[in-house]
Amino acid sequence: MADQLSTPKMSARHVNVFYGEKQAIQNVSIDVDLDNVTAFIGPSGCGKSTFLRTLNRMNDTVASARVEGTITLDGEDIYASGMDVVQLRARVGMVFQKPNPFPKSIYENVAYGPRIHGLAGSKADLDQIVEKSLRRAGLWDEVKDRLNDSGTALSGGQQQRLCIGRAIAVEPEVILMDEPCSALDPIATAKIEELILDLRGNYAIVIVTHNMQQAARVSQRTAFFHLGHLVEHGPTTEIFTNPREERTKDYITGRYG
């Protein structure tokens, strides 16, 4: 069932994903909007990360992958033959499970995207984008005196915020986060969660998480995946307190997962 949101930023309709003969996602339809952080929850291997990767065509990098159905960004089909995938991935940014800063300076990690996308006319423009992005990522005060240090020298939590700053720097419209805190300690996790709440409304945000408490804390809408199916989705409070489907109830109450 697809309940209507204000204005969907991205819409998926009847999406199927295959890896060779194996079907990983079955007939998924969902909308994502700017006002709500959407969490994808479900047991390991249920398809939530696979589906997330269809939203910026990351599955294109897997030779055996095939995607059917329609996914639109502002009404435009992202799988249309004329779609510029590099541009698409600038508009739909991705933050991975394990922080993956480039082996470059903190400054260069953030400046790289704006530079290749031609977003800065001068060094001063670039400096401004780097500062603004690091501020938005809640990292500026910690790194402003060592912008020339390597990004890989930061702690795990700082590296993940650097990766979020890097994603923000190219002015995306959507940010996809694939278990962004699973490699982090509780303090770093709290900072990332705080950041997600701060960024809400400026970007459409989708987070895949195996941590239900996290989904409850940061999202306003939740989608529950099981064995490649989207079992149900709706307001987070409803999914957690009054799920319609027995499978959702069993997962939330810890009967499996």
Protein backbone atom coordinates (compact mmCIF):
# COMPACT_ATOMS: atom_id res chain seq x y z
CA MET A 1 0.00 0.00 0.00
CA ALA A 2 1.31 3.46 -0.86
CA ASP A 3 0.04 6.12 1.47
CA GLN A 4 0.42 9.60 0.04
CA LEU A 5 2.97 12.07 1.38
CA SER A 6 2.95 15.84 0.92
CA THR A 7 5.13 15.93 -2.20
CA PRO A 8 7.28 12.89 -2.74
CA LYS A 9 10.90 13.67 -3.59
CA MET A 10 11.44 10.13 -4.81
CA SER A 11 8.87 7.52 -5.75
CA ALA A 12 9.35 3.83 -6.40
CA ARG A 13 6.63 1.82 -8.10
CA HIS A 14 6.58 -1.97 -8.53
CA VAL A 15 10.35 -2.30 -8.22
CA ASN A 16 11.90 -5.74 -8.65
CA VAL A 17 15.63 -6.41 -8.36
CA PHE A 18 17.36 -9.53 -9.64
CA TYR A 19 20.93 -10.74 -9.22
CA GLY A 20 21.20 -13.19 -12.10
CA GLU A 21 18.29 -15.61 -11.58
CA LYS A 22 17.78 -14.73 -7.92
CA GLN A 23 15.11 -12.16 -7.11
CA ALA A 24 16.22 -9.95 -4.21
CA ILE A 25 13.38 -7.39 -4.20
CA GLN A 26 9.75 -8.08 -5.05
CA ASN A 27 7.27 -5.46 -6.15
CA VAL A 28 8.24 -2.61 -3.82
CA SER A 29 6.37 0.72 -4.01
CA ILE A 30 7.16 3.60 -1.63
CA ASP A 31 7.52 7.39 -1.57
CA VAL A 32 10.25 9.39 0.17
CA ASP A 33 9.80 13.08 1.01
CA LEU A 34 11.72 16.02 2.46
CA ASP A 35 9.78 16.43 5.68
CA ASN A 36 10.36 12.94 7.04
CA VAL A 37 13.39 10.79 7.66
CA THR A 38 12.46 7.33 6.35
CA ALA A 39 13.97 4.25 8.03
CA PHE A 40 14.20 0.85 6.37
CA ILE A 41 14.21 -1.91 8.97
CA GLY A 42 14.16 -5.70 8.80
CA PRO A 43 16.32 -8.75 9.44
CA SER A 44 19.71 -9.18 7.75
CA GLY A 45 19.48 -10.16 4.10
CA CYS A 46 15.88 -8.96 3.73
CA GLY A 47 16.66 -6.60 0.84
CA LYS A 48 16.67 -3.21 2.58
CA SER A 49 20.22 -2.28 1.47
CA THR A 50 19.63 -3.70 -2.01
CA PHE A 51 16.54 -1.53 -2.38
CA LEU A 52 18.37 1.53 -0.99
CA ARG A 53 21.02 1.05 -3.68
CA THR A 54 18.40 1.18 -6.44
CA LEU A 55 17.65 4.79 -5.44
CA ASN A 56 20.95 6.08 -6.84
CA ARG A 57 21.69 3.23 -9.25
CA MET A 58 24.50 1.79 -7.15
CA ASN A 59 23.35 -1.65 -8.33
CA ASP A 60 24.62 -0.65 -11.79
CA THR A 61 28.08 -1.55 -10.49
CA VAL A 62 27.03 -5.21 -10.10
CA ALA A 63 27.19 -6.98 -13.46
CA SER A 64 24.42 -9.49 -12.73
CA ALA A 65 21.97 -6.95 -11.29
CA ARG A 66 18.75 -6.05 -13.10
CA VAL A 67 16.15 -3.54 -11.92
CA GLU A 68 12.53 -3.49 -13.10
CA GLY A 69 9.80 -0.99 -12.27
CA THR A 70 9.93 2.78 -12.01
CA ILE A 71 11.92 5.03 -9.69
CA THR A 72 11.55 8.79 -10.08
CA LEU A 73 13.33 11.80 -8.61
CA ASP A 74 11.10 14.89 -8.86
CA GLY A 75 8.99 12.96 -11.33
CA GLU A 76 11.93 12.08 -13.60
CA ASP A 77 12.71 8.40 -14.26
CA ILE A 78 16.22 7.79 -12.90
CA TYR A 79 16.61 4.63 -15.01
CA ALA A 80 15.78 6.44 -18.27
CA SER A 81 18.48 5.98 -20.92
CA GLY A 82 19.30 9.70 -20.99
CA MET A 83 19.93 9.95 -17.24
CA ASP A 84 23.43 11.13 -16.33
CA VAL A 85 24.37 8.68 -13.55
CA VAL A 86 27.24 10.84 -12.25
CA GLN A 87 24.84 13.76 -11.90
CA LEU A 88 22.22 11.48 -10.33
CA ARG A 89 24.68 10.36 -7.66
CA ALA A 90 25.49 13.97 -6.87
CA ARG A 91 21.76 14.62 -6.37
CA VAL A 92 21.25 11.38 -4.43
CA GLY A 93 24.25 11.06 -2.12
CA MET A 94 25.24 7.92 -0.25
CA VAL A 95 26.87 7.30 3.13
CA PHE A 96 28.08 3.75 3.64
CA GLN A 97 28.18 1.42 6.59
CA LYS A 98 31.92 1.72 7.05
CA PRO A 99 33.32 5.27 6.92
CA ASN A 100 35.29 5.53 3.66
CA PRO A 101 37.11 8.88 3.48
CA PHE A 102 39.41 9.33 0.49
CA PRO A 103 43.13 9.00 1.35
CA LYS A 104 43.42 12.78 1.03
CA SER A 105 43.33 15.72 3.42
CA ILE A 106 40.15 16.58 5.31
CA TYR A 107 39.83 19.68 3.09
CA GLU A 108 40.29 17.67 -0.13
CA ASN A 109 37.72 15.07 0.93
CA VAL A 110 35.04 17.75 0.98
CA ALA A 111 36.39 19.90 -1.88
CA TYR A 112 36.70 17.01 -4.34
CA GLY A 113 33.02 16.75 -5.33
CA PRO A 114 32.31 20.49 -5.71
CA ARG A 115 35.48 20.80 -7.76
CA ILE A 116 34.61 18.04 -10.27
CA HIS A 117 31.01 19.23 -10.50
CA GLY A 118 32.12 22.82 -11.10
CA LEU A 119 30.28 24.23 -8.07
CA ALA A 120 33.06 26.61 -7.03
CA GLY A 121 34.30 29.50 -9.17
CA SER A 122 37.33 30.28 -7.03
CA LYS A 123 39.44 29.06 -4.12
CA ALA A 124 37.45 31.36 -1.83
CA ASP A 125 34.19 29.73 -3.02
CA LEU A 126 35.66 26.32 -2.36
CA ASP A 127 36.84 27.34 1.13
CA GLN A 128 33.32 28.50 1.86
CA ILE A 129 31.72 25.26 0.62
CA VAL A 130 34.17 23.19 2.69
CA GLU A 131 33.48 25.18 5.84
CA LYS A 132 29.71 25.17 5.35
CA SER A 133 29.64 21.42 4.64
CA LEU A 134 31.79 20.59 7.66
CA ARG A 135 29.64 22.85 9.85
CA ARG A 136 26.51 21.09 8.62
CA ALA A 137 28.16 17.75 9.34
CA GLY A 138 28.91 18.91 12.90
CA LEU A 139 32.65 18.54 12.38
CA TRP A 140 34.04 22.03 11.71
CA ASP A 141 34.99 22.94 15.27
CA GLU A 142 36.89 19.67 15.69
CA VAL A 143 38.91 19.91 12.46
CA LYS A 144 39.16 23.59 11.45
CA ASP A 145 42.77 23.82 12.63
CA ARG A 146 43.89 20.67 10.82
CA LEU A 147 42.20 20.72 7.44
CA ASN A 148 45.43 19.52 5.81
CA ASP A 149 45.60 16.37 7.95
CA SER A 150 44.53 13.14 6.32
CA GLY A 151 40.84 12.27 6.58
CA THR A 152 41.83 8.72 7.45
CA ALA A 153 43.57 9.96 10.63
CA LEU A 154 40.23 10.94 12.20
CA SER A 155 38.32 8.70 14.64
CA GLY A 156 35.64 6.42 13.19
CA GLY A 157 32.79 8.74 14.20
CA GLN A 158 34.59 11.79 12.80
CA GLN A 159 35.31 9.92 9.57
CA GLN A 160 31.62 9.14 9.19
CA ARG A 161 30.71 12.81 9.74
CA LEU A 162 33.40 13.71 7.18
CA CYS A 163 31.70 11.35 4.71
CA ILE A 164 28.36 13.04 5.43
CA GLY A 165 30.05 16.44 4.90
CA ARG A 166 31.48 15.14 1.63
CA ALA A 167 28.01 14.03 0.50
CA ILE A 168 26.46 17.40 1.47
CA ALA A 169 29.16 19.42 -0.33
CA VAL A 170 27.74 18.69 -3.80
CA GLU A 171 24.31 19.99 -2.71
CA PRO A 172 22.38 16.74 -2.94
CA GLU A 173 18.61 16.58 -2.68
CA VAL A 174 18.51 13.09 -1.15
CA ILE A 175 20.93 11.41 1.28
CA LEU A 176 20.92 7.63 1.54
CA MET A 177 22.55 6.14 4.63
CA ASP A 178 23.31 2.43 4.75
CA GLU A 179 23.67 1.50 8.43
CA PRO A 180 25.82 4.59 9.01
CA CYS A 181 26.39 3.85 12.71
CA SER A 182 26.95 0.11 12.77
CA ALA A 183 30.74 0.51 13.00
CA LEU A 184 30.58 3.30 15.61
CA ASP A 185 30.56 3.50 19.41
CA PRO A 186 27.50 4.86 21.27
CA ILE A 187 28.85 8.42 21.60
CA ALA A 188 29.71 8.69 17.91
CA THR A 189 26.32 7.11 17.08
CA ALA A 190 24.50 9.75 19.15
CA LYS A 191 26.31 12.50 17.22
CA ILE A 192 25.31 11.01 13.85
CA GLU A 193 21.70 10.65 15.02
CA GLU A 194 21.69 14.28 16.17
CA LEU A 195 23.07 15.26 12.78
CA ILE A 196 20.32 13.33 10.93
CA LEU A 197 17.70 15.23 12.94
CA ASP A 198 19.42 18.54 12.08
CA LEU A 199 19.56 17.75 8.36
CA ARG A 200 15.92 16.71 8.13
CA GLY A 201 13.85 19.08 6.01
CA ASN A 202 16.84 20.21 3.93
CA TYR A 203 17.30 16.82 2.32
CA ALA A 204 15.14 13.76 1.85
CA ILE A 205 16.89 11.22 4.08
CA VAL A 206 16.61 7.44 3.98
CA ILE A 207 18.44 5.36 6.57
CA VAL A 208 18.84 1.59 6.59
CA THR A 209 19.30 0.35 10.14
CA HIS A 210 19.16 -2.99 11.94
CA ASN A 211 18.79 -1.04 15.19
CA MET A 212 15.11 -0.54 15.92
CA GLN A 213 15.75 1.93 18.73
CA GLN A 214 17.68 4.03 16.24
CA ALA A 215 14.82 3.90 13.73
CA ALA A 216 12.45 5.00 16.49
CA ARG A 217 14.74 7.88 17.49
CA VAL A 218 15.61 9.37 14.10
CA SER A 219 12.80 8.57 11.68
CA GLN A 220 9.26 9.81 11.22
CA ARG A 221 8.39 7.05 8.76
CA THR A 222 9.42 3.40 8.80
CA ALA A 223 9.33 0.69 6.16
CA PHE A 224 9.63 -2.95 7.23
CA PHE A 225 11.27 -5.33 4.76
CA HIS A 226 11.16 -9.11 4.97
CA LEU A 227 12.50 -11.63 2.43
CA GLY A 228 12.61 -9.04 -0.35
CA HIS A 229 9.09 -7.75 0.28
CA LEU A 230 8.07 -4.39 1.70
CA VAL A 231 5.66 -5.77 4.30
CA GLU A 232 4.31 -2.42 5.46
CA HIS A 233 5.28 1.21 5.87
CA GLY A 234 3.84 4.26 7.57
CA PRO A 235 4.44 6.68 10.45
CA THR A 236 7.21 5.32 12.70
CA THR A 237 5.11 5.56 15.87
CA GLU A 238 2.37 3.50 14.24
CA ILE A 239 4.71 0.82 12.89
CA PHE A 240 6.29 0.43 16.34
CA THR A 241 3.18 0.60 18.50
CA ASN A 242 0.43 -0.70 16.27
CA PRO A 243 1.72 -2.61 13.24
CA ARG A 244 -0.95 -3.98 10.94
CA GLU A 245 0.99 -7.08 9.87
CA GLU A 246 1.76 -10.07 12.04
CA ARG A 247 5.30 -10.34 10.55
CA THR A 248 6.05 -6.73 11.55
CA LYS A 249 4.75 -7.36 15.06
CA ASP A 250 6.92 -10.49 15.39
CA TYR A 251 10.02 -8.58 14.26
CA ILE A 252 9.41 -5.57 16.49
CA THR A 253 8.78 -7.73 19.54
CA GLY A 254 11.97 -9.68 18.85
CA ARG A 255 10.54 -13.03 17.81
CA TYR A 256 12.97 -13.18 14.93
CA GLY A 257 15.63 -11.00 13.32
